[in-house]
Amino acid sequence: MTSPIPEVAAQPLTTAGQPQLLVVECPRCGATHRHLAAGERRAPCGARYLIDRTPTEQTS
């Protein structure tokens, strides 16, 4: 039986190259990890999690 993949929150990060997503607190190691896209991802520490959607920036 496999464990469910945890869903994590991500913050947008704009770089010189392309938009990225920051997982602020990894459920396994507590560190910040960055990813190029949403979906099921594996962190450098080996954790697997789901970034459910690309966050949108709020406009005022």
N, C-alpha and C. Protein backbone atom coordinates (compact mmCIF):
# COMPACT_ATOMS: atom_id res chain seq x y z
N MET A 1 0.84 -1.18 0.00
CA MET A 1 0.00 0.00 0.00
C MET A 1 0.89 1.24 0.00
N THR A 2 0.62 2.16 -0.90
CA THR A 2 1.43 3.37 -0.97
C THR A 2 0.79 4.49 -0.18
N SER A 3 1.64 5.36 0.36
CA SER A 3 1.15 6.52 1.09
C SER A 3 0.70 7.59 0.11
N PRO A 4 -0.29 8.39 0.50
CA PRO A 4 -0.70 9.48 -0.39
C PRO A 4 0.43 10.52 -0.49
N ILE A 5 0.55 11.11 -1.65
CA ILE A 5 1.58 12.14 -1.85
C ILE A 5 1.06 13.44 -1.26
N PRO A 6 1.83 14.07 -0.34
CA PRO A 6 1.34 15.30 0.28
C PRO A 6 1.29 16.46 -0.72
N GLU A 7 0.32 17.32 -0.52
CA GLU A 7 0.18 18.52 -1.33
C GLU A 7 0.88 19.67 -0.58
N VAL A 8 1.67 20.45 -1.29
CA VAL A 8 2.41 21.54 -0.67
C VAL A 8 2.08 22.86 -1.33
N ALA A 9 2.25 23.94 -0.57
CA ALA A 9 2.05 25.29 -1.10
C ALA A 9 3.34 25.77 -1.75
N ALA A 10 3.20 26.59 -2.77
CA ALA A 10 4.36 27.14 -3.45
C ALA A 10 4.16 28.63 -3.70
N GLN A 11 5.25 29.35 -3.70
CA GLN A 11 5.24 30.78 -3.97
C GLN A 11 5.92 31.02 -5.31
N PRO A 12 5.43 31.99 -6.10
CA PRO A 12 6.08 32.26 -7.37
C PRO A 12 7.44 32.93 -7.17
N LEU A 13 8.39 32.59 -8.02
CA LEU A 13 9.71 33.20 -8.01
C LEU A 13 10.02 33.60 -9.45
N THR A 14 10.30 34.88 -9.67
CA THR A 14 10.64 35.35 -11.00
C THR A 14 12.14 35.50 -11.08
N THR A 15 12.74 34.80 -12.03
CA THR A 15 14.18 34.85 -12.23
C THR A 15 14.45 35.48 -13.60
N ALA A 16 15.71 35.65 -13.91
CA ALA A 16 16.07 36.21 -15.22
C ALA A 16 15.69 35.25 -16.35
N GLY A 17 15.66 33.96 -16.06
CA GLY A 17 15.37 32.98 -17.09
C GLY A 17 13.89 32.73 -17.30
N GLN A 18 13.21 32.25 -16.27
CA GLN A 18 11.80 31.90 -16.38
C GLN A 18 11.18 31.84 -15.00
N PRO A 19 9.84 31.89 -14.94
CA PRO A 19 9.17 31.77 -13.64
C PRO A 19 9.43 30.40 -13.02
N GLN A 20 9.59 30.36 -11.71
CA GLN A 20 9.78 29.12 -10.99
C GLN A 20 8.85 29.11 -9.78
N LEU A 21 8.76 27.97 -9.12
CA LEU A 21 7.93 27.83 -7.93
C LEU A 21 8.81 27.46 -6.75
N LEU A 22 8.60 28.14 -5.64
CA LEU A 22 9.33 27.85 -4.41
C LEU A 22 8.43 27.10 -3.44
N VAL A 23 8.83 25.91 -3.07
CA VAL A 23 8.18 25.19 -1.98
C VAL A 23 8.90 25.67 -0.73
N VAL A 24 8.22 26.48 0.07
CA VAL A 24 8.86 27.17 1.18
C VAL A 24 9.27 26.23 2.29
N GLU A 25 8.45 25.22 2.56
CA GLU A 25 8.79 24.28 3.64
C GLU A 25 8.54 22.85 3.18
N CYS A 26 9.61 22.16 2.89
CA CYS A 26 9.53 20.77 2.45
C CYS A 26 8.99 19.91 3.60
N PRO A 27 8.03 19.02 3.31
CA PRO A 27 7.48 18.19 4.38
C PRO A 27 8.48 17.17 4.93
N ARG A 28 9.57 16.91 4.21
CA ARG A 28 10.55 15.94 4.68
C ARG A 28 11.70 16.59 5.45
N CYS A 29 12.31 17.65 4.89
CA CYS A 29 13.51 18.22 5.51
C CYS A 29 13.32 19.64 6.02
N GLY A 30 12.22 20.29 5.67
CA GLY A 30 11.96 21.65 6.14
C GLY A 30 12.65 22.73 5.34
N ALA A 31 13.42 22.36 4.33
CA ALA A 31 14.15 23.35 3.53
C ALA A 31 13.26 23.91 2.43
N THR A 32 13.75 24.94 1.76
CA THR A 32 13.08 25.53 0.61
C THR A 32 13.63 24.88 -0.66
N HIS A 33 12.74 24.47 -1.55
CA HIS A 33 13.14 23.87 -2.82
C HIS A 33 12.46 24.63 -3.95
N ARG A 34 13.10 24.71 -5.12
CA ARG A 34 12.46 25.37 -6.25
C ARG A 34 12.25 24.39 -7.39
N HIS A 35 11.16 24.64 -8.13
CA HIS A 35 10.78 23.77 -9.24
C HIS A 35 10.35 24.62 -10.42
N LEU A 36 10.45 24.06 -11.61
CA LEU A 36 10.10 24.78 -12.83
C LEU A 36 8.62 24.68 -13.18
N ALA A 37 7.92 23.71 -12.62
CA ALA A 37 6.52 23.52 -12.96
C ALA A 37 5.76 22.89 -11.80
N ALA A 38 4.44 23.02 -11.86
CA ALA A 38 3.58 22.39 -10.86
C ALA A 38 3.42 20.91 -11.20
N GLY A 39 2.77 20.17 -10.31
CA GLY A 39 2.54 18.74 -10.52
C GLY A 39 3.28 17.92 -9.48
N GLU A 40 3.38 16.63 -9.72
CA GLU A 40 4.10 15.75 -8.81
C GLU A 40 5.60 15.96 -9.00
N ARG A 41 6.30 16.25 -7.93
CA ARG A 41 7.73 16.57 -8.00
C ARG A 41 8.50 15.81 -6.95
N ARG A 42 9.81 15.65 -7.21
CA ARG A 42 10.73 15.05 -6.25
C ARG A 42 11.75 16.12 -5.89
N ALA A 43 11.92 16.36 -4.60
CA ALA A 43 12.85 17.38 -4.10
C ALA A 43 14.27 16.80 -4.06
N PRO A 44 15.29 17.65 -3.96
CA PRO A 44 16.66 17.17 -3.85
C PRO A 44 16.88 16.25 -2.64
N CYS A 45 16.10 16.42 -1.59
CA CYS A 45 16.23 15.57 -0.40
C CYS A 45 15.56 14.22 -0.57
N GLY A 46 14.85 14.03 -1.70
CA GLY A 46 14.18 12.77 -1.97
C GLY A 46 12.69 12.78 -1.69
N ALA A 47 12.18 13.85 -1.10
CA ALA A 47 10.75 13.92 -0.81
C ALA A 47 9.95 13.99 -2.10
N ARG A 48 8.77 13.38 -2.08
CA ARG A 48 7.84 13.50 -3.20
C ARG A 48 6.63 14.25 -2.71
N TYR A 49 6.17 15.21 -3.51
CA TYR A 49 4.98 15.97 -3.15
C TYR A 49 4.31 16.50 -4.39
N LEU A 50 3.11 17.04 -4.20
CA LEU A 50 2.31 17.56 -5.29
C LEU A 50 2.17 19.07 -5.14
N ILE A 51 2.61 19.78 -6.15
CA ILE A 51 2.33 21.22 -6.25
C ILE A 51 1.10 21.28 -7.14
N ASP A 52 -0.06 21.60 -6.56
CA ASP A 52 -1.32 21.40 -7.27
C ASP A 52 -1.58 22.36 -8.42
N ARG A 53 -1.07 23.58 -8.37
CA ARG A 53 -1.26 24.52 -9.47
C ARG A 53 -0.24 25.64 -9.35
N THR A 54 -0.03 26.32 -10.44
CA THR A 54 0.88 27.47 -10.42
C THR A 54 0.16 28.62 -9.75
N PRO A 55 0.73 29.17 -8.67
CA PRO A 55 0.08 30.29 -8.00
C PRO A 55 0.07 31.51 -8.92
N THR A 56 -0.98 32.29 -8.82
CA THR A 56 -1.06 33.51 -9.61
C THR A 56 -0.74 34.70 -8.73
N GLU A 57 -0.09 35.68 -9.32
CA GLU A 57 0.21 36.88 -8.56
C GLU A 57 -1.04 37.73 -8.47
N GLN A 58 -1.24 38.33 -7.32
CA GLN A 58 -2.41 39.19 -7.12
C GLN A 58 -2.13 40.56 -7.70
N THR A 59 -3.13 41.11 -8.36
CA THR A 59 -2.99 42.47 -8.88
C THR A 59 -3.82 43.39 -8.02
N SER A 60 -3.34 44.60 -7.84
CA SER A 60 -4.09 45.53 -7.00
C SER A 60 -4.77 46.59 -7.81
